């Protein structure tokens, strides 16, 4: 099969897995709380990524600089995913994923701050459409109840974190040449350490009993395991396309990733019964097409 087609299929698979995994993650969050959910999910994810790295990857790190970048990447990733999981308590998955996927706006800002380069006019127009979509999505809460405006900041914090995460991930893979399975394992391990430390600090002497209760809950454990597997598969599938397409086609891959926006909304409706207002649906559709224009324009 042609590598270009494989790259596009891999990107579509990553978008689907990254959308589906949040359905199971939300179930875990609602069952046990944000921090216990993150600790459980990343404990299982660390085991999965260790197994994949042992089978297909290489644990070695080329330099101390790579280790420092991995630690920084993990800290950024921890803040980003913590904000996303917390948003699941208040927002439909489709809304959370859509707002979190607006990282191109923040990545463009980072490029401007570090490189001094303004985006071309067409990308500027796309960003304006993205900002309009944010207004539409946040102007209404779920049907039947008002959602505080500050809640919408949570997935936007995730978007900024993912933009910085992508910047650092590129450096690890292309500057330091760290194996992609090693990146997945070390980031999962360090993020698990961050969440476990935070849990112990906040819950103190009751944290052991809390974790024991969480790990003994078969249904929650199953949801977390499925979410961890989907996250791991999605991460690997999201990296592979960049190895199979030339640099000039990476915007097409990114555009395919953006399909997680409508996929997430559809899956949350089908599997969780989450309904959206008309403005939220319009905002999600607008965000999807704005992202397509941003990447392929």
Protein backbone atom coordinates (compact mmCIF):
# COMPACT_ATOMS: atom_id res chain seq x y z
CA UNK A 1 0.00 0.00 0.00
CA UNK A 2 1.19 3.51 -0.84
CA UNK A 3 2.86 5.25 2.14
CA UNK A 4 0.87 8.42 1.56
CA UNK A 5 -2.40 6.50 1.85
CA UNK A 6 -1.09 4.71 4.94
CA UNK A 7 -0.24 8.09 6.47
CA UNK A 8 -3.74 9.44 5.85
CA UNK A 9 -5.40 6.29 7.23
CA UNK A 10 -3.12 6.42 10.27
CA UNK A 11 -4.06 10.07 10.91
CA UNK A 12 -7.77 9.23 10.61
CA UNK A 13 -7.31 6.30 13.01
CA UNK A 14 -5.55 8.59 15.49
CA UNK A 15 -8.43 11.09 15.31
CA UNK A 16 -10.96 8.32 15.96
CA UNK A 17 -9.02 6.74 18.85
CA UNK A 18 -8.33 10.12 20.46
CA UNK A 19 -12.06 10.90 20.32
CA UNK A 20 -13.24 7.50 21.56
CA UNK A 21 -10.77 7.39 24.45
CA UNK A 22 -12.25 10.57 25.94
CA UNK A 23 -15.65 8.86 26.21
CA UNK A 24 -14.14 6.26 28.55
CA UNK A 25 -12.01 8.86 30.33
CA UNK A 26 -15.12 10.90 31.10
CA UNK A 27 -16.82 7.85 32.57
CA UNK A 28 -13.84 7.32 34.88
CA UNK A 29 -13.77 11.01 35.91
CA UNK A 30 -17.46 11.05 36.77
CA UNK A 31 -17.09 7.81 38.74
CA UNK A 32 -14.03 8.58 40.90
CA UNK A 33 -13.01 12.24 40.38
CA UNK A 34 -10.39 13.97 38.26
CA UNK A 35 -7.12 13.26 40.10
CA UNK A 36 -7.87 9.60 40.98
CA UNK A 37 -8.97 9.09 37.36
CA UNK A 38 -5.73 10.55 36.00
CA UNK A 39 -3.64 8.46 38.39
CA UNK A 40 -5.43 5.28 37.37
CA UNK A 41 -5.43 6.00 33.63
CA UNK A 42 -1.73 6.91 33.56
CA UNK A 43 -0.74 3.94 35.74
CA UNK A 44 -2.28 1.65 33.13
CA UNK A 45 -0.99 3.76 30.24
CA UNK A 46 2.57 3.53 31.61
CA UNK A 47 2.34 -0.29 31.63
CA UNK A 48 0.98 -0.32 28.07
CA UNK A 49 3.63 2.08 26.75
CA UNK A 50 6.41 0.17 28.54
CA UNK A 51 5.28 -3.02 26.81
CA UNK A 52 5.16 -1.34 23.40
CA UNK A 53 8.59 0.23 23.88
CA UNK A 54 10.07 -3.09 25.03
CA UNK A 55 8.67 -4.83 21.94
CA UNK A 56 9.19 -2.23 19.22
CA UNK A 57 11.22 0.68 20.61
CA UNK A 58 14.42 1.72 22.35
CA UNK A 59 14.56 3.03 25.93
CA UNK A 60 17.90 4.82 25.49
CA UNK A 61 18.13 8.63 25.62
CA UNK A 62 20.83 10.37 23.57
CA UNK A 63 21.71 13.12 26.07
CA UNK A 64 20.81 14.76 29.41
CA UNK A 65 19.17 17.50 27.35
CA UNK A 66 16.68 15.00 25.99
CA UNK A 67 15.82 13.94 29.53
CA UNK A 68 15.19 17.54 30.58
CA UNK A 69 12.96 18.08 27.53
CA UNK A 70 11.02 14.90 28.41
CA UNK A 71 10.46 16.14 31.97
CA UNK A 72 9.27 19.53 30.67
CA UNK A 73 7.08 17.84 28.05
CA UNK A 74 5.52 15.67 30.77
CA UNK A 75 4.81 18.67 33.03
CA UNK A 76 3.11 20.52 30.17
CA UNK A 77 1.16 17.41 29.21
CA UNK A 78 0.05 16.88 32.82
CA UNK A 79 -1.41 20.38 33.11
CA UNK A 80 -3.11 20.05 29.72
CA UNK A 81 -4.78 16.69 30.40
CA UNK A 82 -5.70 17.71 33.97
CA UNK A 83 -7.61 20.68 32.57
CA UNK A 84 -9.32 18.50 29.96
CA UNK A 85 -10.38 15.84 32.48
CA UNK A 86 -11.69 18.52 34.84
CA UNK A 87 -13.76 20.02 32.01
CA UNK A 88 -15.53 16.67 31.57
CA UNK A 89 -17.37 17.32 34.84
CA UNK A 90 -19.13 20.34 33.35
CA UNK A 91 -19.07 20.16 29.53
CA UNK A 92 -20.09 17.65 26.86
CA UNK A 93 -17.13 15.73 25.43
CA UNK A 94 -17.77 17.26 21.99
CA UNK A 95 -17.40 20.79 23.37
CA UNK A 96 -14.29 19.93 25.42
CA UNK A 97 -12.54 18.24 22.46
CA UNK A 98 -13.44 21.03 20.05
CA UNK A 99 -12.02 23.75 22.29
CA UNK A 100 -8.96 21.65 23.13
CA UNK A 101 -8.31 21.13 19.40
CA UNK A 102 -7.88 24.87 18.86
CA UNK A 103 -4.18 24.53 19.67
CA UNK A 104 -3.15 25.88 16.19
CA UNK A 105 -4.13 29.37 17.40
CA UNK A 106 -1.78 29.08 20.36
CA UNK A 107 0.93 27.38 18.28
CA UNK A 108 0.80 30.32 15.87
CA UNK A 109 1.18 32.64 18.86
CA UNK A 110 4.21 30.67 20.07
CA UNK A 111 5.81 30.87 16.62
CA UNK A 112 5.23 34.64 16.62
CA UNK A 113 6.72 35.03 20.11
CA UNK A 114 9.79 32.84 19.51
CA UNK A 115 10.38 33.40 15.78
CA UNK A 116 8.82 36.83 15.22
CA UNK A 117 6.81 35.55 12.22
CA UNK A 118 3.24 36.67 11.64
CA UNK A 119 0.80 34.19 10.04
CA UNK A 120 -0.14 34.77 6.39
CA UNK A 121 -3.50 36.49 5.76
CA UNK A 122 -5.36 33.25 4.98
CA UNK A 123 -4.29 31.70 8.28
CA UNK A 124 -5.22 34.93 10.01
CA UNK A 125 -8.71 34.58 8.53
CA UNK A 126 -8.87 30.99 9.78
CA UNK A 127 -7.92 32.13 13.28
CA UNK A 128 -10.71 34.74 13.15
CA UNK A 129 -13.19 31.98 12.26
CA UNK A 130 -11.83 29.85 15.10
CA UNK A 131 -12.36 32.70 17.56
CA UNK A 132 -15.93 33.10 16.25
CA UNK A 133 -16.49 29.39 16.82
CA UNK A 134 -15.28 29.78 20.41
CA UNK A 135 -17.84 32.55 20.91
CA UNK A 136 -20.65 30.36 19.54
CA UNK A 137 -19.66 27.35 21.64
CA UNK A 138 -19.32 29.30 24.88
CA UNK A 139 -22.43 31.46 24.43
CA UNK A 140 -24.68 28.58 25.50
CA UNK A 141 -24.29 25.77 28.04
CA UNK A 142 -25.88 22.36 27.87
CA UNK A 143 -29.62 22.27 27.41
CA UNK A 144 -31.49 22.74 30.63
CA UNK A 145 -28.75 24.40 32.66
CA UNK A 146 -26.38 27.34 32.63
CA UNK A 147 -22.65 26.63 32.42
CA UNK A 148 -20.31 29.17 34.07
CA UNK A 149 -18.14 30.92 31.50
CA UNK A 150 -14.95 30.14 33.45
CA UNK A 151 -15.50 26.41 32.84
CA UNK A 152 -14.77 26.93 29.14
CA UNK A 153 -11.26 28.10 30.07
CA UNK A 154 -10.35 24.52 31.05
CA UNK A 155 -10.23 23.03 27.52
CA UNK A 156 -8.66 26.26 26.23
CA UNK A 157 -5.84 25.73 28.75
CA UNK A 158 -5.58 22.24 27.26
CA UNK A 159 -5.33 23.76 23.78
CA UNK A 160 -2.43 25.98 24.84
CA UNK A 161 -0.75 23.03 26.58
CA UNK A 162 -1.13 20.81 23.53
CA UNK A 163 0.38 23.52 21.33
CA UNK A 164 3.45 23.66 23.57
CA UNK A 165 3.40 19.85 23.82
CA UNK A 166 3.51 19.56 20.01
CA UNK A 167 6.40 22.03 19.84
CA UNK A 168 8.44 20.00 22.34
CA UNK A 169 7.45 16.67 20.80
CA UNK A 170 8.80 17.82 17.44
CA UNK A 171 12.13 18.70 19.08
CA UNK A 172 12.42 15.32 20.82
CA UNK A 173 11.68 13.34 17.66
CA UNK A 174 13.59 15.43 15.13
CA UNK A 175 16.33 17.24 17.07
CA UNK A 176 17.20 14.69 19.77
CA UNK A 177 16.07 11.67 17.67
CA UNK A 178 14.40 9.93 20.61
CA UNK A 179 12.48 6.79 19.68
CA UNK A 180 8.73 7.52 19.47
CA UNK A 181 7.85 4.57 21.73
CA UNK A 182 10.37 5.84 24.28
CA UNK A 183 8.78 9.29 24.18
CA UNK A 184 5.36 7.72 24.81
CA UNK A 185 6.66 5.61 27.70
CA UNK A 186 8.69 8.29 29.48
CA UNK A 187 5.98 10.94 29.20
CA UNK A 188 3.37 8.49 30.55
CA UNK A 189 5.71 7.49 33.39
CA UNK A 190 6.54 11.05 34.42
CA UNK A 191 2.92 12.18 34.13
CA UNK A 192 1.84 9.25 36.31
CA UNK A 193 4.47 10.32 38.88
CA UNK A 194 3.09 13.88 38.81
CA UNK A 195 -0.51 12.77 39.32
CA UNK A 196 0.38 10.26 42.03
CA UNK A 197 2.42 12.87 43.90
CA UNK A 198 -0.42 15.39 43.66
CA UNK A 199 -2.92 12.77 44.89
CA UNK A 200 -0.76 11.88 47.89
CA UNK A 201 -0.21 15.55 48.72
CA UNK A 202 -3.89 16.48 48.52
CA UNK A 203 -5.51 13.40 50.06
CA UNK A 204 -2.77 12.58 52.59
CA UNK A 205 -3.38 9.48 54.69
CA UNK A 206 -6.66 8.70 52.91
CA UNK A 207 -5.00 8.44 49.48
CA UNK A 208 -4.00 4.78 49.94
CA UNK A 209 -7.57 3.76 50.77
CA UNK A 210 -8.86 5.86 47.87
CA UNK A 211 -6.50 4.21 45.39
CA UNK A 212 -7.33 0.77 46.75
CA UNK A 213 -11.02 1.47 46.29
CA UNK A 214 -10.44 2.75 42.75
CA UNK A 215 -8.34 -0.26 41.68
CA UNK A 216 -10.91 -2.67 43.13
CA UNK A 217 -13.74 -1.16 41.08
CA UNK A 218 -13.92 -3.56 38.12
CA UNK A 219 -16.07 -1.33 35.92
CA UNK A 220 -13.89 1.75 36.42
CA UNK A 221 -10.75 -0.34 35.91
CA UNK A 222 -12.14 -1.63 32.61
CA UNK A 223 -13.01 1.88 31.42
CA UNK A 224 -9.54 3.15 32.36
CA UNK A 225 -7.83 0.21 30.62
CA UNK A 226 -9.80 0.80 27.42
CA UNK A 227 -9.07 4.53 27.60
CA UNK A 228 -5.37 3.82 28.14
CA UNK A 229 -5.17 1.44 25.17
CA UNK A 230 -6.99 3.89 22.90
CA UNK A 231 -4.71 6.73 24.04
CA UNK A 232 -1.58 4.68 23.38
CA UNK A 233 -2.76 3.55 19.94
CA UNK A 234 -3.84 7.08 19.08
CA UNK A 235 -0.46 8.50 20.08
CA UNK A 236 1.47 6.01 17.94
CA UNK A 237 -0.87 6.49 14.96
CA UNK A 238 -0.52 10.28 15.28
CA UNK A 239 3.28 10.07 15.00
CA UNK A 240 3.57 7.58 12.12
CA UNK A 241 2.10 9.84 9.38
CA UNK A 242 4.95 12.34 9.80
CA UNK A 243 7.41 9.57 8.93
CA UNK A 244 5.54 8.59 5.76
CA UNK A 245 4.76 11.92 4.08
CA UNK A 246 7.06 14.71 2.86
CA UNK A 247 7.14 17.92 4.94
CA UNK A 248 4.93 19.80 2.48
CA UNK A 249 2.07 17.35 3.12
CA UNK A 250 2.07 17.60 6.92
CA UNK A 251 -0.76 20.21 6.82
CA UNK A 252 -2.97 17.56 5.18
CA UNK A 253 -2.19 15.17 8.04
CA UNK A 254 -3.01 17.88 10.58
CA UNK A 255 -6.28 18.56 8.75
CA UNK A 256 -7.21 14.89 9.05
CA UNK A 257 -6.45 15.04 12.78
CA UNK A 258 -9.01 17.85 13.07
CA UNK A 259 -11.78 15.37 12.21
CA UNK A 260 -11.67 14.43 15.91
CA UNK A 261 -13.78 17.59 16.43
CA UNK A 262 -17.00 16.29 14.81
CA UNK A 263 -16.16 12.65 15.69
CA UNK A 264 -15.95 13.54 19.39
CA UNK A 265 -19.32 15.33 19.30
CA UNK A 266 -20.96 12.42 17.47
CA UNK A 267 -19.53 9.76 19.80
CA UNK A 268 -20.50 11.70 22.94
CA UNK A 269 -24.08 11.86 21.63
CA UNK A 270 -24.22 8.17 20.64
CA UNK A 271 -22.41 6.69 23.68
CA UNK A 272 -23.13 9.19 26.46
CA UNK A 273 -26.38 10.77 25.27
CA UNK A 274 -24.90 14.27 25.49
CA UNK A 275 -26.95 16.85 23.61
CA UNK A 276 -25.72 20.19 22.32
CA UNK A 277 -27.47 23.49 21.72
CA UNK A 278 -27.86 24.82 18.19
CA UNK A 279 -25.11 27.40 18.73
CA UNK A 280 -22.73 24.77 20.07
CA UNK A 281 -23.35 22.55 17.03
CA UNK A 282 -22.80 25.53 14.73
CA UNK A 283 -19.60 26.43 16.62
CA UNK A 284 -18.23 22.88 16.35
CA UNK A 285 -18.95 22.75 12.59
CA UNK A 286 -17.37 26.19 12.10
CA UNK A 287 -14.31 25.18 14.16
CA UNK A 288 -13.88 22.03 12.06
CA UNK A 289 -13.94 23.89 8.74
CA UNK A 290 -11.76 26.69 10.14
CA UNK A 291 -9.17 24.10 11.16
CA UNK A 292 -9.32 22.51 7.69
CA UNK A 293 -8.77 25.93 6.12
CA UNK A 294 -5.95 26.66 8.56
CA UNK A 295 -4.01 23.52 7.66
CA UNK A 296 -4.66 23.08 3.93
CA UNK A 297 -5.15 26.70 2.92
